[in-house]
Amino acid sequence: SNHPAPTLLAGCRLVHPTRPRFLTDGEAKRLQTFPDDYNFLDNDGRYVCGMSVPPLMMNRVVSAVRDQLLKK
């Protein structure tokens, strides 16, 4: 699909957009831009993904803040 994924909520299960099944933890991890080998330890991956700011999004936020601070 060329549409953005819906927001992942902590503990919720999302339905796959083209198949009659729920997203796997690995698919949720990828949607949130966590590396494939990221280890959530003993925590529920769906919960962590739902409670987290996606790493690539946070990288862009930090870069924008840094750029603004360096302009001053």
Protein backbone atom coordinates (compact mmCIF):
# COMPACT_ATOMS: atom_id res chain seq x y z
CA SER A 1 0.00 0.00 0.00
CA ASN A 2 1.14 3.55 -0.65
CA HIS A 3 -0.64 4.89 2.40
CA PRO A 4 0.97 5.51 5.78
CA ALA A 5 0.27 2.95 8.45
CA PRO A 6 -2.20 3.88 11.16
CA THR A 7 -0.88 4.83 14.56
CA LEU A 8 0.21 1.84 16.59
CA LEU A 9 -1.39 1.95 20.02
CA ALA A 10 0.12 0.21 23.03
CA GLY A 11 -1.21 -3.31 23.32
CA CYS A 12 -3.58 -3.07 20.35
CA ARG A 13 -3.50 -5.47 17.44
CA LEU A 14 -3.61 -4.04 13.96
CA VAL A 15 -5.10 -5.96 11.07
CA HIS A 16 -2.83 -6.50 8.08
CA PRO A 17 -3.92 -4.18 5.23
CA THR A 18 -4.16 -6.89 2.56
CA ARG A 19 -4.41 -10.21 4.41
CA PRO A 20 -7.00 -11.48 6.91
CA ARG A 21 -4.66 -11.58 9.90
CA PHE A 22 -3.10 -9.41 12.57
CA LEU A 23 0.29 -7.78 12.08
CA THR A 24 3.16 -9.76 13.52
CA ASP A 25 5.44 -8.26 16.16
CA GLY A 26 8.14 -8.05 13.47
CA GLU A 27 5.86 -6.06 11.17
CA ALA A 28 4.96 -3.69 14.00
CA LYS A 29 8.66 -3.29 14.75
CA ARG A 30 9.36 -2.38 11.13
CA LEU A 31 6.43 0.07 10.97
CA GLN A 32 7.92 1.81 13.99
CA THR A 33 11.39 1.77 12.32
CA PHE A 34 13.04 -0.35 15.00
CA PRO A 35 15.87 -2.50 13.60
CA ASP A 36 14.87 -6.09 12.84
CA ASP A 37 17.27 -7.36 15.51
CA TYR A 38 16.05 -4.96 18.22
CA ASN A 39 15.45 -6.87 21.44
CA PHE A 40 12.56 -5.73 23.62
CA LEU A 41 13.84 -8.07 26.35
CA ASP A 42 10.88 -9.35 28.36
CA ASN A 43 8.55 -6.52 27.28
CA ASP A 44 5.64 -6.97 24.89
CA GLY A 45 6.80 -5.67 21.51
CA ARG A 46 3.39 -4.25 20.61
CA TYR A 47 3.31 -2.31 23.89
CA VAL A 48 6.81 -0.91 23.40
CA CYS A 49 6.06 0.05 19.78
CA GLY A 50 2.81 1.73 20.81
CA MET A 51 4.47 3.70 23.60
CA SER A 52 7.53 4.76 21.58
CA VAL A 53 8.33 7.56 19.24
CA PRO A 54 9.61 5.82 16.09
CA PRO A 55 13.44 6.00 16.08
CA LEU A 56 13.69 7.47 12.56
CA MET A 57 11.10 10.10 13.42
CA MET A 58 12.99 11.03 16.60
CA ASN A 59 16.18 11.30 14.57
CA ARG A 60 14.52 13.85 12.29
CA VAL A 61 13.14 15.81 15.25
CA VAL A 62 16.55 15.93 16.92
CA SER A 63 18.21 16.96 13.66
CA ALA A 64 15.71 19.79 13.16
CA VAL A 65 16.21 21.05 16.73
CA ARG A 66 19.99 20.84 16.33
CA ASP A 67 19.84 22.76 13.04
CA GLN A 68 17.71 25.48 14.63
CA LEU A 69 20.08 25.80 17.59
CA LEU A 70 23.13 26.01 15.33
CA LYS A 71 21.52 28.85 13.33
CA LYS A 72 21.49 31.03 16.44
